[in-house]
Amino acid sequence: MLAWLNLLLDDAPRAESRMLAALLRESPEYLDWSCAVQPVLNCLLERNRIKPLIICKVVDLPAINAFALPHKTIVLSQLLVEFCRNQRDQMAFVLGHELAHIHLGHARERNLANGIMTVAPLANPLLGVGLGMLFNRAHSREQEFEADRWAVGFSARAGYAPSASIALMERLGRGEAPSNLVSQLLGTHPPLTERLHHLHEAIRRCNDRALR
């Protein structure tokens, strides 16, 4: 059992390769769109001195969504990229948020939790409790707030406006996109009012550091 757990912990590249191949079979990539978004991600990586290279895949998904695979890939739906068209700073915040999930290990932890919850012998009550705690942490609100805070910093250091994060959330809150297209994105994150509160605070702290 311990050997199997270690494999899950240490094999992020192979796990991601399998996940990405399965995703692209169901949801083809918009290669030109991926190439158009990648320079924004490259700027975030370079200005924040993050290695190795993280890549972006824009794919055909039926909702406005973004998520990070556990090793080096950020996946965006074409609908989200379209929603951020001509809003480069907002796109930078989206990428920065998912980059933070990879950089901080959230994406890898989430993948581990999902894998264990799927195949482990949950008939054992004590094991079930422990796995439930791990699963809850992997999808915690705290991680989303943390990713938002890091995305604000990533954006500022790369020359993008951190306030674009507020503009993006407010656009979603005003219903500029059909609710059925954003339900998945909003359903897996804290409420918009809470995110806006934490984003305002993160931007204030970022500006304070810049003035010192």
N, C-alpha and C. Protein backbone atom coordinates (compact mmCIF):
# COMPACT_ATOMS: atom_id res chain seq x y z
N MET A 1 0.83 -1.20 0.00
CA MET A 1 0.00 0.00 0.00
C MET A 1 0.87 1.26 0.00
N LEU A 2 1.94 1.27 0.84
CA LEU A 2 2.81 2.43 0.90
C LEU A 2 3.52 2.64 -0.43
N ALA A 3 3.91 1.55 -1.07
CA ALA A 3 4.58 1.67 -2.37
C ALA A 3 3.64 2.29 -3.39
N TRP A 4 2.38 1.89 -3.35
CA TRP A 4 1.39 2.44 -4.29
C TRP A 4 1.17 3.92 -4.04
N LEU A 5 1.10 4.31 -2.76
CA LEU A 5 0.94 5.72 -2.42
C LEU A 5 2.13 6.54 -2.90
N ASN A 6 3.33 5.99 -2.73
CA ASN A 6 4.53 6.70 -3.18
C ASN A 6 4.53 6.89 -4.69
N LEU A 7 4.02 5.90 -5.41
CA LEU A 7 3.94 6.04 -6.86
C LEU A 7 3.04 7.20 -7.24
N LEU A 8 1.89 7.32 -6.55
CA LEU A 8 1.00 8.43 -6.83
C LEU A 8 1.66 9.76 -6.51
N LEU A 9 2.42 9.79 -5.40
CA LEU A 9 3.07 11.03 -5.00
C LEU A 9 4.18 11.44 -5.96
N ASP A 10 4.92 10.46 -6.50
CA ASP A 10 6.13 10.75 -7.25
C ASP A 10 5.96 10.72 -8.76
N ASP A 11 4.80 10.36 -9.24
CA ASP A 11 4.66 10.13 -10.67
C ASP A 11 3.75 11.16 -11.33
N ALA A 12 3.88 12.41 -10.94
CA ALA A 12 3.03 13.47 -11.51
C ALA A 12 3.16 13.58 -13.02
N PRO A 13 4.36 13.51 -13.61
CA PRO A 13 4.44 13.65 -15.07
C PRO A 13 3.66 12.59 -15.83
N ARG A 14 3.82 11.31 -15.43
CA ARG A 14 3.10 10.24 -16.13
C ARG A 14 1.60 10.34 -15.91
N ALA A 15 1.20 10.65 -14.68
CA ALA A 15 -0.22 10.81 -14.39
C ALA A 15 -0.82 11.92 -15.23
N GLU A 16 -0.09 13.03 -15.33
CA GLU A 16 -0.59 14.15 -16.11
C GLU A 16 -0.67 13.79 -17.59
N SER A 17 0.31 13.08 -18.10
CA SER A 17 0.29 12.69 -19.51
C SER A 17 -0.95 11.86 -19.84
N ARG A 18 -1.30 10.94 -18.95
CA ARG A 18 -2.50 10.11 -19.17
C ARG A 18 -3.76 10.97 -19.11
N MET A 19 -3.82 11.85 -18.12
CA MET A 19 -5.00 12.70 -17.97
C MET A 19 -5.17 13.62 -19.17
N LEU A 20 -4.07 14.21 -19.63
CA LEU A 20 -4.15 15.14 -20.75
C LEU A 20 -4.54 14.42 -22.04
N ALA A 21 -4.00 13.22 -22.26
CA ALA A 21 -4.35 12.45 -23.47
C ALA A 21 -5.84 12.12 -23.48
N ALA A 22 -6.36 11.71 -22.32
CA ALA A 22 -7.79 11.39 -22.23
C ALA A 22 -8.64 12.63 -22.46
N LEU A 23 -8.21 13.76 -21.90
CA LEU A 23 -8.96 15.01 -22.07
C LEU A 23 -9.00 15.42 -23.54
N LEU A 24 -7.85 15.36 -24.22
CA LEU A 24 -7.79 15.83 -25.60
C LEU A 24 -8.54 14.90 -26.56
N ARG A 25 -8.73 13.65 -26.18
CA ARG A 25 -9.56 12.76 -27.00
C ARG A 25 -11.01 13.21 -26.98
N GLU A 26 -11.46 13.70 -25.85
CA GLU A 26 -12.85 14.14 -25.71
C GLU A 26 -13.05 15.61 -26.07
N SER A 27 -12.00 16.42 -25.83
CA SER A 27 -12.12 17.87 -26.00
C SER A 27 -10.92 18.36 -26.80
N PRO A 28 -11.04 18.44 -28.11
CA PRO A 28 -9.90 18.81 -28.95
C PRO A 28 -9.32 20.18 -28.59
N GLU A 29 -8.01 20.31 -28.84
CA GLU A 29 -7.33 21.56 -28.53
C GLU A 29 -7.53 22.57 -29.65
N TYR A 30 -7.67 23.84 -29.27
CA TYR A 30 -7.62 24.96 -30.20
C TYR A 30 -6.16 25.41 -30.24
N LEU A 31 -5.38 24.84 -31.12
CA LEU A 31 -3.93 25.05 -31.09
C LEU A 31 -3.56 26.52 -31.27
N ASP A 32 -4.23 27.20 -32.19
CA ASP A 32 -3.91 28.62 -32.40
C ASP A 32 -4.21 29.44 -31.15
N TRP A 33 -5.27 29.08 -30.45
CA TRP A 33 -5.62 29.81 -29.24
C TRP A 33 -4.61 29.53 -28.14
N SER A 34 -4.18 28.28 -28.04
CA SER A 34 -3.14 27.94 -27.06
C SER A 34 -1.88 28.77 -27.32
N CYS A 35 -1.50 28.87 -28.59
CA CYS A 35 -0.30 29.64 -28.95
C CYS A 35 -0.48 31.13 -28.65
N ALA A 36 -1.70 31.63 -28.76
CA ALA A 36 -1.96 33.04 -28.49
C ALA A 36 -1.90 33.36 -26.99
N VAL A 37 -2.30 32.39 -26.16
CA VAL A 37 -2.32 32.60 -24.71
C VAL A 37 -0.97 32.34 -24.08
N GLN A 38 -0.19 31.44 -24.66
CA GLN A 38 1.08 31.02 -24.06
C GLN A 38 2.03 32.18 -23.74
N PRO A 39 2.13 33.22 -24.60
CA PRO A 39 3.04 34.32 -24.25
C PRO A 39 2.69 35.02 -22.94
N VAL A 40 1.43 35.11 -22.61
CA VAL A 40 1.04 35.72 -21.33
C VAL A 40 1.54 34.84 -20.19
N LEU A 41 1.36 33.54 -20.33
CA LEU A 41 1.85 32.61 -19.31
C LEU A 41 3.38 32.67 -19.23
N ASN A 42 4.05 32.75 -20.37
CA ASN A 42 5.50 32.82 -20.37
C ASN A 42 6.00 34.06 -19.63
N CYS A 43 5.30 35.16 -19.80
CA CYS A 43 5.66 36.39 -19.11
C CYS A 43 5.53 36.22 -17.59
N LEU A 44 4.45 35.59 -17.16
CA LEU A 44 4.27 35.32 -15.73
C LEU A 44 5.40 34.45 -15.19
N LEU A 45 5.77 33.43 -15.96
CA LEU A 45 6.83 32.53 -15.52
C LEU A 45 8.18 33.26 -15.44
N GLU A 46 8.49 34.00 -16.50
CA GLU A 46 9.79 34.66 -16.56
C GLU A 46 9.94 35.72 -15.48
N ARG A 47 8.93 36.57 -15.34
CA ARG A 47 9.03 37.68 -14.39
C ARG A 47 8.99 37.20 -12.94
N ASN A 48 8.42 36.02 -12.71
CA ASN A 48 8.36 35.48 -11.36
C ASN A 48 9.40 34.39 -11.13
N ARG A 49 10.28 34.19 -12.13
CA ARG A 49 11.40 33.26 -12.02
C ARG A 49 10.94 31.85 -11.64
N ILE A 50 9.92 31.39 -12.36
CA ILE A 50 9.38 30.05 -12.12
C ILE A 50 9.86 29.11 -13.20
N LYS A 51 10.44 28.02 -12.79
CA LYS A 51 10.87 26.96 -13.70
C LYS A 51 10.37 25.64 -13.13
N PRO A 52 10.13 24.63 -13.97
CA PRO A 52 10.31 24.59 -15.42
C PRO A 52 9.14 25.24 -16.15
N LEU A 53 9.15 25.11 -17.48
CA LEU A 53 8.12 25.72 -18.30
C LEU A 53 6.76 25.09 -18.01
N ILE A 54 5.75 25.94 -17.83
CA ILE A 54 4.36 25.49 -17.73
C ILE A 54 3.69 25.78 -19.07
N ILE A 55 2.88 24.87 -19.55
CA ILE A 55 2.23 25.08 -20.84
C ILE A 55 0.72 25.25 -20.65
N CYS A 56 0.12 25.90 -21.64
CA CYS A 56 -1.32 26.15 -21.61
C CYS A 56 -1.98 25.44 -22.77
N LYS A 57 -3.11 24.80 -22.49
CA LYS A 57 -3.91 24.15 -23.52
C LYS A 57 -5.31 24.76 -23.51
N VAL A 58 -5.72 25.30 -24.64
CA VAL A 58 -7.09 25.81 -24.78
C VAL A 58 -7.89 24.73 -25.49
N VAL A 59 -8.94 24.24 -24.84
CA VAL A 59 -9.66 23.08 -25.38
C VAL A 59 -11.16 23.36 -25.47
N ASP A 60 -11.82 22.51 -26.20
CA ASP A 60 -13.25 22.64 -26.46
C ASP A 60 -14.04 22.05 -25.30
N LEU A 61 -14.42 22.91 -24.36
CA LEU A 61 -15.22 22.49 -23.22
C LEU A 61 -16.55 23.25 -23.23
N PRO A 62 -17.63 22.64 -22.71
CA PRO A 62 -18.95 23.27 -22.79
C PRO A 62 -19.24 24.26 -21.68
N ALA A 63 -18.20 24.77 -21.00
CA ALA A 63 -18.41 25.72 -19.91
C ALA A 63 -17.21 26.63 -19.80
N ILE A 64 -17.40 27.78 -19.17
CA ILE A 64 -16.29 28.68 -18.87
C ILE A 64 -15.55 28.08 -17.68
N ASN A 65 -14.34 27.63 -17.93
CA ASN A 65 -13.64 26.92 -16.87
C ASN A 65 -12.14 26.98 -17.09
N ALA A 66 -11.39 26.76 -16.01
CA ALA A 66 -9.94 26.67 -16.05
C ALA A 66 -9.51 25.75 -14.93
N PHE A 67 -8.50 24.93 -15.17
CA PHE A 67 -7.99 24.08 -14.10
C PHE A 67 -6.54 23.71 -14.39
N ALA A 68 -5.85 23.30 -13.35
CA ALA A 68 -4.44 22.94 -13.45
C ALA A 68 -4.28 21.45 -13.30
N LEU A 69 -3.51 20.85 -14.20
CA LEU A 69 -3.10 19.46 -14.04
C LEU A 69 -1.90 19.42 -13.09
N PRO A 70 -1.57 18.25 -12.55
CA PRO A 70 -0.67 18.23 -11.39
C PRO A 70 0.80 18.55 -11.64
N HIS A 71 1.22 18.62 -12.90
CA HIS A 71 2.66 18.74 -13.14
C HIS A 71 3.04 20.04 -13.85
N LYS A 72 2.52 20.27 -15.07
CA LYS A 72 3.00 21.43 -15.82
C LYS A 72 1.99 21.96 -16.84
N THR A 73 0.72 21.64 -16.70
CA THR A 73 -0.26 22.04 -17.72
C THR A 73 -1.43 22.78 -17.11
N ILE A 74 -1.76 23.92 -17.72
CA ILE A 74 -2.96 24.66 -17.39
C ILE A 74 -3.94 24.48 -18.54
N VAL A 75 -5.17 24.13 -18.21
CA VAL A 75 -6.21 23.91 -19.22
C VAL A 75 -7.26 25.01 -19.12
N LEU A 76 -7.54 25.64 -20.24
CA LEU A 76 -8.57 26.68 -20.32
C LEU A 76 -9.62 26.26 -21.34
N SER A 77 -10.87 26.54 -21.04
CA SER A 77 -11.90 26.32 -22.06
C SER A 77 -11.85 27.46 -23.07
N GLN A 78 -12.21 27.14 -24.29
CA GLN A 78 -12.22 28.18 -25.32
C GLN A 78 -13.22 29.27 -24.96
N LEU A 79 -14.27 28.92 -24.22
CA LEU A 79 -15.27 29.91 -23.82
C LEU A 79 -14.68 30.93 -22.84
N LEU A 80 -13.80 30.48 -21.96
CA LEU A 80 -13.16 31.40 -21.02
C LEU A 80 -12.19 32.32 -21.76
N VAL A 81 -11.44 31.77 -22.71
CA VAL A 81 -10.52 32.61 -23.49
C VAL A 81 -11.31 33.64 -24.29
N GLU A 82 -12.43 33.21 -24.85
CA GLU A 82 -13.28 34.15 -25.59
C GLU A 82 -13.82 35.23 -24.64
N PHE A 83 -14.19 34.84 -23.42
CA PHE A 83 -14.71 35.79 -22.44
C PHE A 83 -13.65 36.84 -22.09
N CYS A 84 -12.39 36.45 -22.12
CA CYS A 84 -11.29 37.36 -21.78
C CYS A 84 -10.64 37.98 -23.02
N ARG A 85 -11.28 37.83 -24.16
CA ARG A 85 -10.71 38.40 -25.39
C ARG A 85 -10.49 39.90 -25.21
N ASN A 86 -9.33 40.37 -25.63
CA ASN A 86 -8.94 41.78 -25.50
C ASN A 86 -8.84 42.25 -24.05
N GLN A 87 -8.80 41.31 -23.13
CA GLN A 87 -8.63 41.62 -21.69
C GLN A 87 -7.40 40.86 -21.19
N ARG A 88 -6.23 41.27 -21.67
CA ARG A 88 -5.01 40.53 -21.39
C ARG A 88 -4.71 40.44 -19.90
N ASP A 89 -4.97 41.53 -19.16
CA ASP A 89 -4.69 41.51 -17.73
C ASP A 89 -5.60 40.53 -16.99
N GLN A 90 -6.86 40.42 -17.45
CA GLN A 90 -7.76 39.45 -16.84
C GLN A 90 -7.32 38.03 -17.16
N MET A 91 -6.85 37.82 -18.39
CA MET A 91 -6.33 36.51 -18.76
C MET A 91 -5.11 36.17 -17.91
N ALA A 92 -4.28 37.17 -17.64
CA ALA A 92 -3.09 36.95 -16.81
C ALA A 92 -3.48 36.51 -15.41
N PHE A 93 -4.54 37.09 -14.86
CA PHE A 93 -4.98 36.68 -13.52
C PHE A 93 -5.47 35.23 -13.53
N VAL A 94 -6.25 34.86 -14.55
CA VAL A 94 -6.73 33.48 -14.65
C VAL A 94 -5.55 32.51 -14.70
N LEU A 95 -4.58 32.83 -15.56
CA LEU A 95 -3.40 31.97 -15.68
C LEU A 95 -2.59 31.96 -14.38
N GLY A 96 -2.48 33.13 -13.75
CA GLY A 96 -1.74 33.22 -12.50
C GLY A 96 -2.37 32.39 -11.40
N HIS A 97 -3.69 32.35 -11.36
CA HIS A 97 -4.40 31.55 -10.36
C HIS A 97 -4.10 30.06 -10.54
N GLU A 98 -4.18 29.58 -11.78
CA GLU A 98 -3.90 28.17 -12.03
C GLU A 98 -2.41 27.86 -11.87
N LEU A 99 -1.56 28.81 -12.26
CA LEU A 99 -0.13 28.65 -12.04
C LEU A 99 0.18 28.49 -10.56
N ALA A 100 -0.51 29.25 -9.73
CA ALA A 100 -0.31 29.15 -8.28
C ALA A 100 -0.68 27.76 -7.78
N HIS A 101 -1.76 27.18 -8.31
CA HIS A 101 -2.15 25.83 -7.90
C HIS A 101 -1.03 24.82 -8.21
N ILE A 102 -0.34 24.99 -9.34
CA ILE A 102 0.77 24.09 -9.67
C ILE A 102 1.97 24.41 -8.79
N HIS A 103 2.32 25.69 -8.71
CA HIS A 103 3.51 26.11 -7.99
C HIS A 103 3.45 25.75 -6.51
N LEU A 104 2.26 25.84 -5.92
CA LEU A 104 2.09 25.56 -4.49
C LEU A 104 1.79 24.09 -4.21
N GLY A 105 1.66 23.27 -5.25
CA GLY A 105 1.40 21.85 -5.05
C GLY A 105 -0.06 21.50 -4.88
N HIS A 106 -0.96 22.47 -5.03
CA HIS A 106 -2.39 22.18 -4.86
C HIS A 106 -2.88 21.18 -5.90
N ALA A 107 -2.47 21.38 -7.15
CA ALA A 107 -2.98 20.53 -8.23
C ALA A 107 -2.52 19.09 -8.04
N ARG A 108 -1.29 18.92 -7.61
CA ARG A 108 -0.78 17.57 -7.38
C ARG A 108 -1.50 16.91 -6.21
N GLU A 109 -1.74 17.69 -5.16
CA GLU A 109 -2.45 17.16 -4.00
C GLU A 109 -3.88 16.77 -4.35
N ARG A 110 -4.51 17.58 -5.18
CA ARG A 110 -5.88 17.28 -5.60
C ARG A 110 -5.93 16.00 -6.41
N ASN A 111 -4.97 15.84 -7.32
CA ASN A 111 -4.93 14.63 -8.12
C ASN A 111 -4.71 13.39 -7.25
N LEU A 112 -3.82 13.52 -6.28
CA LEU A 112 -3.59 12.42 -5.35
C LEU A 112 -4.85 12.06 -4.60
N ALA A 113 -5.54 13.07 -4.09
CA ALA A 113 -6.76 12.82 -3.33
C ALA A 113 -7.82 12.14 -4.18
N ASN A 114 -7.99 12.62 -5.41
CA ASN A 114 -8.99 12.01 -6.29
C ASN A 114 -8.64 10.56 -6.61
N GLY A 115 -7.34 10.29 -6.84
CA GLY A 115 -6.93 8.93 -7.15
C GLY A 115 -7.17 7.98 -5.99
N ILE A 116 -6.82 8.43 -4.79
CA ILE A 116 -7.02 7.57 -3.62
C ILE A 116 -8.50 7.34 -3.36
N MET A 117 -9.29 8.39 -3.48
CA MET A 117 -10.72 8.25 -3.21
C MET A 117 -11.38 7.30 -4.20
N THR A 118 -10.79 7.19 -5.39
CA THR A 118 -11.39 6.33 -6.42
C THR A 118 -11.07 4.86 -6.20
N VAL A 119 -9.84 4.55 -5.82
CA VAL A 119 -9.43 3.14 -5.83
C VAL A 119 -9.13 2.55 -4.47
N ALA A 120 -9.04 3.34 -3.42
CA ALA A 120 -8.68 2.79 -2.11
C ALA A 120 -9.87 2.05 -1.49
N PRO A 121 -9.60 1.13 -0.57
CA PRO A 121 -10.68 0.35 0.07
C PRO A 121 -11.42 1.18 1.12
N LEU A 122 -12.42 1.90 0.66
CA LEU A 122 -13.13 2.81 1.55
C LEU A 122 -14.04 2.08 2.53
N ALA A 123 -14.10 0.76 2.41
CA ALA A 123 -14.92 0.02 3.38
C ALA A 123 -14.34 0.11 4.78
N ASN A 124 -13.06 0.43 4.89
CA ASN A 124 -12.43 0.62 6.19
C ASN A 124 -12.83 1.98 6.74
N PRO A 125 -13.61 2.05 7.82
CA PRO A 125 -14.12 3.34 8.31
C PRO A 125 -13.03 4.34 8.66
N LEU A 126 -11.97 3.87 9.34
CA LEU A 126 -10.91 4.80 9.73
C LEU A 126 -10.20 5.34 8.50
N LEU A 127 -9.96 4.46 7.53
CA LEU A 127 -9.34 4.92 6.29
C LEU A 127 -10.24 5.91 5.58
N GLY A 128 -11.54 5.63 5.59
CA GLY A 128 -12.48 6.54 4.94
C GLY A 128 -12.46 7.93 5.55
N VAL A 129 -12.36 8.01 6.89
CA VAL A 129 -12.30 9.31 7.55
C VAL A 129 -11.03 10.05 7.14
N GLY A 130 -9.90 9.34 7.15
CA GLY A 130 -8.64 9.97 6.79
C GLY A 130 -8.63 10.46 5.35
N LEU A 131 -9.17 9.64 4.45
CA LEU A 131 -9.22 10.04 3.05
C LEU A 131 -10.16 11.21 2.85
N GLY A 132 -11.25 11.23 3.59
CA GLY A 132 -12.17 12.35 3.48
C GLY A 132 -11.52 13.66 3.89
N MET A 133 -10.70 13.61 4.94
CA MET A 133 -10.00 14.82 5.38
C MET A 133 -9.02 15.29 4.32
N LEU A 134 -8.29 14.34 3.70
CA LEU A 134 -7.36 14.71 2.65
C LEU A 134 -8.10 15.30 1.46
N PHE A 135 -9.20 14.68 1.07
CA PHE A 135 -9.98 15.16 -0.06
C PHE A 135 -10.50 16.57 0.20
N ASN A 136 -11.02 16.81 1.41
CA ASN A 136 -11.54 18.13 1.74
C ASN A 136 -10.45 19.19 1.69
N ARG A 137 -9.26 18.84 2.18
CA ARG A 137 -8.17 19.81 2.14
C ARG A 137 -7.78 20.12 0.70
N ALA A 138 -7.77 19.08 -0.15
CA ALA A 138 -7.37 19.27 -1.53
C ALA A 138 -8.32 20.20 -2.27
N HIS A 139 -9.54 20.30 -1.83
CA HIS A 139 -10.50 21.17 -2.49
C HIS A 139 -10.92 22.32 -1.57
N SER A 140 -10.03 22.72 -0.69
CA SER A 140 -10.41 23.70 0.34
C SER A 140 -10.53 25.10 -0.23
N ARG A 141 -11.38 25.87 0.43
CA ARG A 141 -11.53 27.28 0.09
C ARG A 141 -10.21 28.01 0.32
N GLU A 142 -9.48 27.59 1.36
CA GLU A 142 -8.22 28.27 1.68
C GLU A 142 -7.25 28.20 0.50
N GLN A 143 -7.24 27.07 -0.20
CA GLN A 143 -6.35 26.95 -1.35
C GLN A 143 -6.76 27.90 -2.47
N GLU A 144 -8.07 28.07 -2.66
CA GLU A 144 -8.52 29.00 -3.68
C GLU A 144 -8.15 30.43 -3.33
N PHE A 145 -8.33 30.81 -2.07
CA PHE A 145 -7.93 32.15 -1.64
C PHE A 145 -6.43 32.33 -1.79
N GLU A 146 -5.68 31.29 -1.43
CA GLU A 146 -4.22 31.36 -1.54
C GLU A 146 -3.80 31.53 -3.00
N ALA A 147 -4.44 30.78 -3.89
CA ALA A 147 -4.12 30.91 -5.31
C ALA A 147 -4.45 32.30 -5.83
N ASP A 148 -5.56 32.89 -5.36
CA ASP A 148 -5.90 34.25 -5.75
C ASP A 148 -4.82 35.23 -5.28
N ARG A 149 -4.36 35.08 -4.03
CA ARG A 149 -3.34 35.99 -3.50
C ARG A 149 -2.06 35.90 -4.32
N TRP A 150 -1.63 34.68 -4.61
CA TRP A 150 -0.41 34.50 -5.40
C TRP A 150 -0.59 35.03 -6.82
N ALA A 151 -1.79 34.86 -7.38
CA ALA A 151 -2.04 35.35 -8.75
C ALA A 151 -1.94 36.86 -8.81
N VAL A 152 -2.39 37.54 -7.76
CA VAL A 152 -2.26 39.00 -7.70
C VAL A 152 -0.78 39.38 -7.74
N GLY A 153 0.04 38.71 -6.92
CA GLY A 153 1.47 38.99 -6.92
C GLY A 153 2.15 38.63 -8.23
N PHE A 154 1.80 37.46 -8.78
CA PHE A 154 2.36 37.05 -10.07
C PHE A 154 2.07 38.11 -11.14
N SER A 155 0.81 38.56 -11.18
CA SER A 155 0.40 39.53 -12.19
C SER A 155 1.15 40.84 -12.05
N ALA A 156 1.25 41.34 -10.81
CA ALA A 156 1.92 42.62 -10.57
C ALA A 156 3.39 42.55 -10.99
N ARG A 157 4.07 41.48 -10.62
CA ARG A 157 5.49 41.38 -10.97
C ARG A 157 5.71 41.22 -12.47
N ALA A 158 4.70 40.72 -13.17
CA ALA A 158 4.82 40.54 -14.63
C ALA A 158 4.34 41.78 -15.39
N GLY A 159 3.92 42.82 -14.68
CA GLY A 159 3.51 44.05 -15.35
C GLY A 159 2.04 44.11 -15.72
N TYR A 160 1.25 43.14 -15.26
CA TYR A 160 -0.19 43.17 -15.49
C TYR A 160 -0.89 43.83 -14.29
N ALA A 161 -2.04 44.39 -14.53
CA ALA A 161 -2.76 45.11 -13.48
C ALA A 161 -3.46 44.13 -12.55
N PRO A 162 -3.08 44.10 -11.26
CA PRO A 162 -3.78 43.21 -10.32
C PRO A 162 -5.27 43.49 -10.21
N SER A 163 -5.65 44.76 -10.43
CA SER A 163 -7.07 45.13 -10.34
C SER A 163 -7.92 44.42 -11.39
N ALA A 164 -7.27 43.84 -12.41
CA ALA A 164 -8.03 43.10 -13.42
C ALA A 164 -8.74 41.91 -12.81
N SER A 165 -8.22 41.40 -11.70
CA SER A 165 -8.89 40.28 -11.02
C SER A 165 -10.27 40.70 -10.54
N ILE A 166 -10.35 41.92 -10.01
CA ILE A 166 -11.64 42.45 -9.55
C ILE A 166 -12.58 42.63 -10.73
N ALA A 167 -12.06 43.20 -11.80
CA ALA A 167 -12.89 43.42 -12.99
C ALA A 167 -13.45 42.12 -13.52
N LEU A 168 -12.63 41.07 -13.54
CA LEU A 168 -13.09 39.76 -14.03
C LEU A 168 -14.20 39.21 -13.15
N MET A 169 -14.00 39.24 -11.82
CA MET A 169 -15.02 38.73 -10.91
C MET A 169 -16.32 39.52 -11.04
N GLU A 170 -16.20 40.83 -11.19
CA GLU A 170 -17.40 41.67 -11.31
C GLU A 170 -18.14 41.39 -12.62
N ARG A 171 -17.40 41.14 -13.68
CA ARG A 171 -18.04 40.77 -14.94
C ARG A 171 -18.83 39.47 -14.80
N LEU A 172 -18.23 38.50 -14.12
CA LEU A 172 -18.94 37.24 -13.89
C LEU A 172 -20.16 37.46 -13.01
N GLY A 173 -20.01 38.32 -11.99
CA GLY A 173 -21.12 38.60 -11.08
C GLY A 173 -22.26 39.33 -11.74
N ARG A 174 -21.94 40.18 -12.72
CA ARG A 174 -22.99 40.93 -13.43
C ARG A 174 -23.71 40.08 -14.46
N GLY A 175 -23.22 38.89 -14.70
CA GLY A 175 -23.88 38.01 -15.65
C GLY A 175 -23.55 38.32 -17.09
N GLU A 176 -22.33 38.81 -17.35
CA GLU A 176 -21.93 39.08 -18.73
C GLU A 176 -21.82 37.78 -19.54
N ALA A 177 -21.64 36.68 -18.83
CA ALA A 177 -21.66 35.36 -19.49
C ALA A 177 -22.89 34.60 -19.01
N PRO A 178 -23.51 33.79 -19.86
CA PRO A 178 -24.69 33.02 -19.45
C PRO A 178 -24.40 32.18 -18.22
N SER A 179 -25.34 32.14 -17.28
CA SER A 179 -25.12 31.46 -16.01
C SER A 179 -24.83 29.97 -16.20
N ASN A 180 -25.43 29.35 -17.21
CA ASN A 180 -25.18 27.93 -17.41
C ASN A 180 -23.75 27.65 -17.88
N LEU A 181 -23.07 28.67 -18.38
CA LEU A 181 -21.69 28.49 -18.82
C LEU A 181 -20.68 28.73 -17.71
N VAL A 182 -21.10 29.41 -16.64
CA VAL A 182 -20.15 29.70 -15.56
C VAL A 182 -20.45 28.92 -14.29
N SER A 183 -21.49 28.12 -14.30
CA SER A 183 -21.90 27.42 -13.08
C SER A 183 -20.80 26.51 -12.56
N GLN A 184 -20.08 25.82 -13.45
CA GLN A 184 -19.01 24.91 -13.01
C GLN A 184 -17.87 25.69 -12.38
N LEU A 185 -17.49 26.80 -13.01
CA LEU A 185 -16.39 27.61 -12.48
C LEU A 185 -16.74 28.18 -11.12
N LEU A 186 -17.93 28.73 -10.98
CA LEU A 186 -18.33 29.33 -9.71
C LEU A 186 -18.62 28.28 -8.65
N GLY A 187 -19.09 27.12 -9.09
CA GLY A 187 -19.45 26.08 -8.13
C GLY A 187 -18.27 25.45 -7.44
N THR A 188 -17.08 25.54 -8.03
CA THR A 188 -15.89 24.92 -7.43
C THR A 188 -15.00 25.95 -6.74
N HIS A 189 -15.49 27.18 -6.59
CA HIS A 189 -14.73 28.24 -5.94
C HIS A 189 -15.60 28.88 -4.85
N PRO A 190 -14.97 29.61 -3.93
CA PRO A 190 -15.75 30.31 -2.91
C PRO A 190 -16.70 31.32 -3.56
N PRO A 191 -17.73 31.77 -2.82
CA PRO A 191 -18.67 32.76 -3.37
C PRO A 191 -17.94 34.01 -3.85
N LEU A 192 -18.50 34.64 -4.88
CA LEU A 192 -17.86 35.81 -5.46
C LEU A 192 -17.63 36.92 -4.44
N THR A 193 -18.59 37.13 -3.54
CA THR A 193 -18.43 38.21 -2.56
C THR A 193 -17.20 37.97 -1.69
N GLU A 194 -16.97 36.72 -1.30
CA GLU A 194 -15.81 36.41 -0.48
C GLU A 194 -14.53 36.55 -1.29
N ARG A 195 -14.54 36.10 -2.52
CA ARG A 195 -13.34 36.23 -3.35
C ARG A 195 -13.00 37.69 -3.58
N LEU A 196 -14.02 38.52 -3.82
CA LEU A 196 -13.77 39.95 -4.03
C LEU A 196 -13.16 40.59 -2.79
N HIS A 197 -13.68 40.22 -1.62
CA HIS A 197 -13.13 40.75 -0.36
C HIS A 197 -11.66 40.39 -0.23
N HIS A 198 -11.33 39.13 -0.45
CA HIS A 198 -9.94 38.69 -0.32
C HIS A 198 -9.06 39.29 -1.41
N LEU A 199 -9.59 39.46 -2.60
CA LEU A 199 -8.81 40.06 -3.68
C LEU A 199 -8.49 41.52 -3.39
N HIS A 200 -9.47 42.26 -2.88
CA HIS A 200 -9.22 43.66 -2.51
C HIS A 200 -8.10 43.74 -1.48
N GLU A 201 -8.13 42.84 -0.51
CA GLU A 201 -7.10 42.84 0.53
C GLU A 201 -5.74 42.46 -0.06
N ALA A 202 -5.72 41.47 -0.96
CA ALA A 202 -4.45 41.06 -1.58
C ALA A 202 -3.86 42.19 -2.42
N ILE A 203 -4.71 42.91 -3.14
CA ILE A 203 -4.23 44.03 -3.96
C ILE A 203 -3.71 45.16 -3.07
N ARG A 204 -4.40 45.43 -1.97
CA ARG A 204 -3.95 46.47 -1.05
C ARG A 204 -2.55 46.14 -0.52
N ARG A 205 -2.35 44.90 -0.11
CA ARG A 205 -1.05 44.50 0.42
C ARG A 205 0.02 44.55 -0.67
N CYS A 206 -0.36 44.16 -1.88
CA CYS A 206 0.58 44.21 -3.00
C CYS A 206 1.01 45.65 -3.27
N ASN A 207 0.06 46.57 -3.23
CA ASN A 207 0.37 47.99 -3.46
C ASN A 207 1.23 48.54 -2.31
N ASP A 208 0.94 48.13 -1.10
CA ASP A 208 1.74 48.58 0.04
C ASP A 208 3.20 48.14 -0.10
N ARG A 209 3.40 46.90 -0.55
CA ARG A 209 4.77 46.42 -0.73
C ARG A 209 5.48 47.19 -1.82
N ALA A 210 4.75 47.56 -2.88
CA ALA A 210 5.35 48.29 -3.99
C ALA A 210 5.80 49.69 -3.58
N LEU A 211 5.13 50.27 -2.58
CA LEU A 211 5.46 51.62 -2.13
C LEU A 211 6.63 51.67 -1.17
N ARG A 212 7.02 50.51 -0.61
CA ARG A 212 8.10 50.51 0.37
C ARG A 212 9.47 50.68 -0.28
